[in-house]
Amino acid sequence: MTATLNVYLRAYTPISKSQDEVVAAARTLDATDRVDDCEFTEWPATVSLDRDVEAVDVYETVTAWGDANDVDVSTPFRLHTRTNPMTDDRESVLHTPVVYLTLEYDGDLAGVAPCTLPDGTHVTAKAFLDALQDERDPYRALATGALVA
């Protein structure tokens, strides 16, 4: 089973200590072979939901995964509707998180962070990575089973 950790970072955002910690933890997971591959991607701060871009694809994929697993993935994302002043067309705009993680096994989504579990537990990106480093399941409360093979 091949584990891929995807780290999404908002472009043009000043780097904070927490971002540095997440990036360092993700690199450590890759270096210690806790994951088979670690990919870093910059995404825009905002994007129209009707665009065919990676940020929208990730949002739609994690939203479907969250619905199927009773996990709230919406907290780090924000949606709003705006009217284009030139055309008066209304569009839905997605605001991306500063840091977002997805974990895939053999190309299938197996986990995301940050998120909120069914029992109300909030899983941060750093806690998610720390659990993977310690070979623990960051979603102990989920009925879907352990993420760590």
C-alpha atoms as a PDB file:
ATOM      1  CA  MET A   1       0.000   0.000   0.000  1.00  0.00           C
ATOM      2  CA  THR A   2       1.499   3.336  -1.091  1.00  0.00           C
ATOM      3  CA  ALA A   3       0.907   6.326   1.206  1.00  0.00           C
ATOM      4  CA  THR A   4       1.086   9.822  -0.261  1.00  0.00           C
ATOM      5  CA  LEU A   5       0.885  12.923   1.890  1.00  0.00           C
ATOM      6  CA  ASN A   6      -0.199  16.072   0.060  1.00  0.00           C
ATOM      7  CA  VAL A   7       0.591  19.397   1.717  1.00  0.00           C
ATOM      8  CA  TYR A   8      -1.273  22.389   0.303  1.00  0.00           C
ATOM      9  CA  LEU A   9       0.047  25.841   1.178  1.00  0.00           C
ATOM     10  CA  ARG A  10      -1.651  29.118   0.339  1.00  0.00           C
ATOM     11  CA  ALA A  11       0.494  31.119  -2.078  1.00  0.00           C
ATOM     12  CA  TYR A  12       1.714  34.606  -1.185  1.00  0.00           C
ATOM     13  CA  THR A  13       1.052  34.142   2.531  1.00  0.00           C
ATOM     14  CA  PRO A  14       3.693  35.212   5.040  1.00  0.00           C
ATOM     15  CA  ILE A  15       5.269  32.109   6.527  1.00  0.00           C
ATOM     16  CA  SER A  16       4.384  31.531  10.165  1.00  0.00           C
ATOM     17  CA  LYS A  17       5.958  29.325  12.806  1.00  0.00           C
ATOM     18  CA  SER A  18       3.021  26.886  12.606  1.00  0.00           C
ATOM     19  CA  GLN A  19       3.432  26.576   8.824  1.00  0.00           C
ATOM     20  CA  ASP A  20       7.144  25.924   9.259  1.00  0.00           C
ATOM     21  CA  GLU A  21       6.341  23.225  11.836  1.00  0.00           C
ATOM     22  CA  VAL A  22       3.857  21.522   9.501  1.00  0.00           C
ATOM     23  CA  VAL A  23       6.286  21.593   6.565  1.00  0.00           C
ATOM     24  CA  ALA A  24       9.115  20.249   8.758  1.00  0.00           C
ATOM     25  CA  ALA A  25       6.884  17.483  10.163  1.00  0.00           C
ATOM     26  CA  ALA A  26       5.756  16.481   6.657  1.00  0.00           C
ATOM     27  CA  ARG A  27       9.361  16.340   5.456  1.00  0.00           C
ATOM     28  CA  THR A  28      10.265  14.207   8.465  1.00  0.00           C
ATOM     29  CA  LEU A  29       7.463  11.752   7.625  1.00  0.00           C
ATOM     30  CA  ASP A  30       8.872  11.451   4.125  1.00  0.00           C
ATOM     31  CA  ALA A  31      12.497  11.138   5.298  1.00  0.00           C
ATOM     32  CA  THR A  32      11.631   8.456   7.886  1.00  0.00           C
ATOM     33  CA  ASP A  33       9.516   6.514   5.370  1.00  0.00           C
ATOM     34  CA  ARG A  34       6.295   6.935   7.375  1.00  0.00           C
ATOM     35  CA  VAL A  35       4.842   7.944   3.997  1.00  0.00           C
ATOM     36  CA  ASP A  36       6.042   6.823   0.596  1.00  0.00           C
ATOM     37  CA  ASP A  37       5.768  10.250  -0.978  1.00  0.00           C
ATOM     38  CA  CYS A  38       5.203  13.800   0.223  1.00  0.00           C
ATOM     39  CA  GLU A  39       4.050  16.409  -2.269  1.00  0.00           C
ATOM     40  CA  PHE A  40       3.915  20.169  -1.652  1.00  0.00           C
ATOM     41  CA  THR A  41       1.563  22.340  -3.673  1.00  0.00           C
ATOM     42  CA  GLU A  42       0.855  26.060  -3.522  1.00  0.00           C
ATOM     43  CA  TRP A  43      -2.719  27.066  -4.181  1.00  0.00           C
ATOM     44  CA  PRO A  44      -4.408  30.448  -4.536  1.00  0.00           C
ATOM     45  CA  ALA A  45      -6.015  32.273  -1.621  1.00  0.00           C
ATOM     46  CA  THR A  46      -9.315  32.434  -3.507  1.00  0.00           C
ATOM     47  CA  VAL A  47     -10.749  30.763  -6.563  1.00  0.00           C
ATOM     48  CA  SER A  48     -14.133  30.660  -8.262  1.00  0.00           C
ATOM     49  CA  LEU A  49     -15.877  27.316  -7.684  1.00  0.00           C
ATOM     50  CA  ASP A  50     -16.741  27.074 -11.376  1.00  0.00           C
ATOM     51  CA  ARG A  51     -13.049  26.962 -12.371  1.00  0.00           C
ATOM     52  CA  ASP A  52     -11.385  23.695 -13.327  1.00  0.00           C
ATOM     53  CA  VAL A  53      -8.356  24.012 -11.021  1.00  0.00           C
ATOM     54  CA  GLU A  54      -6.673  21.821  -8.419  1.00  0.00           C
ATOM     55  CA  ALA A  55      -7.943  23.797  -5.410  1.00  0.00           C
ATOM     56  CA  VAL A  56     -11.564  23.235  -6.474  1.00  0.00           C
ATOM     57  CA  ASP A  57     -10.886  19.552  -7.223  1.00  0.00           C
ATOM     58  CA  VAL A  58      -9.337  19.075  -3.764  1.00  0.00           C
ATOM     59  CA  TYR A  59     -12.249  20.884  -2.095  1.00  0.00           C
ATOM     60  CA  GLU A  60     -14.836  18.747  -3.893  1.00  0.00           C
ATOM     61  CA  THR A  61     -12.933  15.515  -3.171  1.00  0.00           C
ATOM     62  CA  VAL A  62     -12.431  16.209   0.539  1.00  0.00           C
ATOM     63  CA  THR A  63     -16.020  17.409   0.931  1.00  0.00           C
ATOM     64  CA  ALA A  64     -17.322  14.144  -0.564  1.00  0.00           C
ATOM     65  CA  TRP A  65     -14.925  12.155   1.640  1.00  0.00           C
ATOM     66  CA  GLY A  66     -16.012  14.094   4.721  1.00  0.00           C
ATOM     67  CA  ASP A  67     -19.699  13.483   3.961  1.00  0.00           C
ATOM     68  CA  ALA A  68     -19.062   9.757   3.490  1.00  0.00           C
ATOM     69  CA  ASN A  69     -17.070   9.499   6.738  1.00  0.00           C
ATOM     70  CA  ASP A  70     -19.108  11.909   8.885  1.00  0.00           C
ATOM     71  CA  VAL A  71     -16.099  14.209   9.232  1.00  0.00           C
ATOM     72  CA  ASP A  72     -16.508  17.989   9.041  1.00  0.00           C
ATOM     73  CA  VAL A  73     -13.907  19.220   6.574  1.00  0.00           C
ATOM     74  CA  SER A  74     -15.496  22.651   6.057  1.00  0.00           C
ATOM     75  CA  THR A  75     -13.881  24.523   8.967  1.00  0.00           C
ATOM     76  CA  PRO A  76     -10.665  25.617   7.223  1.00  0.00           C
ATOM     77  CA  PHE A  77     -12.480  26.522   3.983  1.00  0.00           C
ATOM     78  CA  ARG A  78     -14.738  29.510   3.503  1.00  0.00           C
ATOM     79  CA  LEU A  79     -17.298  30.076   0.759  1.00  0.00           C
ATOM     80  CA  HIS A  80     -19.075  33.235  -0.270  1.00  0.00           C
ATOM     81  CA  THR A  81     -20.969  34.555  -3.264  1.00  0.00           C
ATOM     82  CA  ARG A  82     -19.926  37.713  -5.065  1.00  0.00           C
ATOM     83  CA  THR A  83     -21.293  39.674  -7.971  1.00  0.00           C
ATOM     84  CA  ASN A  84     -18.965  40.515 -10.804  1.00  0.00           C
ATOM     85  CA  PRO A  85     -19.200  44.322 -11.158  1.00  0.00           C
ATOM     86  CA  MET A  86     -18.578  44.171 -14.905  1.00  0.00           C
ATOM     87  CA  THR A  87     -21.125  41.477 -15.821  1.00  0.00           C
ATOM     88  CA  ASP A  88     -23.468  41.337 -12.797  1.00  0.00           C
ATOM     89  CA  ASP A  89     -22.946  37.558 -12.814  1.00  0.00           C
ATOM     90  CA  ARG A  90     -22.932  35.906  -9.404  1.00  0.00           C
ATOM     91  CA  GLU A  91     -20.213  33.408  -8.594  1.00  0.00           C
ATOM     92  CA  SER A  92     -19.284  31.246  -5.619  1.00  0.00           C
ATOM     93  CA  VAL A  93     -15.781  31.898  -4.334  1.00  0.00           C
ATOM     94  CA  LEU A  94     -13.716  29.443  -2.329  1.00  0.00           C
ATOM     95  CA  HIS A  95     -11.176  30.752   0.208  1.00  0.00           C
ATOM     96  CA  THR A  96      -8.492  28.124   0.717  1.00  0.00           C
ATOM     97  CA  PRO A  97      -6.827  27.298   4.036  1.00  0.00           C
ATOM     98  CA  VAL A  98      -3.293  28.508   4.701  1.00  0.00           C
ATOM     99  CA  VAL A  99      -2.248  24.862   5.271  1.00  0.00           C
ATOM    100  CA  TYR A 100      -4.215  21.747   4.349  1.00  0.00           C
ATOM    101  CA  LEU A 101      -3.257  18.069   4.303  1.00  0.00           C
ATOM    102  CA  THR A 102      -4.596  15.050   2.489  1.00  0.00           C
ATOM    103  CA  LEU A 103      -3.406  11.487   2.945  1.00  0.00           C
ATOM    104  CA  GLU A 104      -3.939   8.984   0.161  1.00  0.00           C
ATOM    105  CA  TYR A 105      -3.421   5.235   0.097  1.00  0.00           C
ATOM    106  CA  ASP A 106      -2.932   3.901  -3.423  1.00  0.00           C
ATOM    107  CA  GLY A 107      -4.544   7.077  -4.784  1.00  0.00           C
ATOM    108  CA  ASP A 108      -7.654   6.860  -2.569  1.00  0.00           C
ATOM    109  CA  LEU A 109      -8.285   9.592  -0.024  1.00  0.00           C
ATOM    110  CA  ALA A 110      -7.850   8.226   3.511  1.00  0.00           C
ATOM    111  CA  GLY A 111      -7.634  11.343   5.658  1.00  0.00           C
ATOM    112  CA  VAL A 112      -7.523  15.132   5.782  1.00  0.00           C
ATOM    113  CA  ALA A 113      -6.535  17.828   8.257  1.00  0.00           C
ATOM    114  CA  PRO A 114      -7.598  20.113   9.693  1.00  0.00           C
ATOM    115  CA  CYS A 115     -11.038  18.648  10.296  1.00  0.00           C
ATOM    116  CA  THR A 116     -13.568  17.957  13.025  1.00  0.00           C
ATOM    117  CA  LEU A 117     -14.474  14.385  13.986  1.00  0.00           C
ATOM    118  CA  PRO A 118     -18.041  13.241  14.700  1.00  0.00           C
ATOM    119  CA  ASP A 119     -17.472  13.553  18.460  1.00  0.00           C
ATOM    120  CA  GLY A 120     -16.475  17.208  18.048  1.00  0.00           C
ATOM    121  CA  THR A 121     -12.724  16.622  18.317  1.00  0.00           C
ATOM    122  CA  HIS A 122     -10.810  19.067  16.151  1.00  0.00           C
ATOM    123  CA  VAL A 123      -7.780  17.534  14.419  1.00  0.00           C
ATOM    124  CA  THR A 124      -5.139  20.104  13.522  1.00  0.00           C
ATOM    125  CA  ALA A 125      -2.637  19.624  10.722  1.00  0.00           C
ATOM    126  CA  LYS A 126       0.211  19.347  13.245  1.00  0.00           C
ATOM    127  CA  ALA A 127      -1.652  16.799  15.412  1.00  0.00           C
ATOM    128  CA  PHE A 128      -2.450  14.775  12.283  1.00  0.00           C
ATOM    129  CA  LEU A 129       1.231  14.694  11.276  1.00  0.00           C
ATOM    130  CA  ASP A 130       2.396  13.926  14.821  1.00  0.00           C
ATOM    131  CA  ALA A 131       0.021  10.946  14.968  1.00  0.00           C
ATOM    132  CA  LEU A 132       1.320   9.616  11.645  1.00  0.00           C
ATOM    133  CA  GLN A 133       4.918  10.029  12.856  1.00  0.00           C
ATOM    134  CA  ASP A 134       4.073   8.035  15.989  1.00  0.00           C
ATOM    135  CA  GLU A 135       2.264   5.429  13.833  1.00  0.00           C
ATOM    136  CA  ARG A 136      -1.044   6.251  15.548  1.00  0.00           C
ATOM    137  CA  ASP A 137      -4.418   6.735  13.943  1.00  0.00           C
ATOM    138  CA  PRO A 138      -5.224  10.473  14.034  1.00  0.00           C
ATOM    139  CA  TYR A 139      -8.920   9.562  13.806  1.00  0.00           C
ATOM    140  CA  ARG A 140      -9.245   7.120  16.693  1.00  0.00           C
ATOM    141  CA  ALA A 141     -12.906   8.115  17.067  1.00  0.00           C
ATOM    142  CA  LEU A 142     -13.783   7.149  13.491  1.00  0.00           C
ATOM    143  CA  ALA A 143     -15.462   3.857  12.741  1.00  0.00           C
ATOM    144  CA  THR A 144     -13.656   3.662   9.373  1.00  0.00           C
ATOM    145  CA  GLY A 145     -10.598   2.056  10.971  1.00  0.00           C
ATOM    146  CA  ALA A 146      -6.953   2.938  11.289  1.00  0.00           C
ATOM    147  CA  LEU A 147      -5.239   5.021   8.655  1.00  0.00           C
ATOM    148  CA  VAL A 148      -1.771   3.782   9.423  1.00  0.00           C
ATOM    149  CA  ALA A 149      -1.017   0.515   7.704  1.00  0.00           C
END
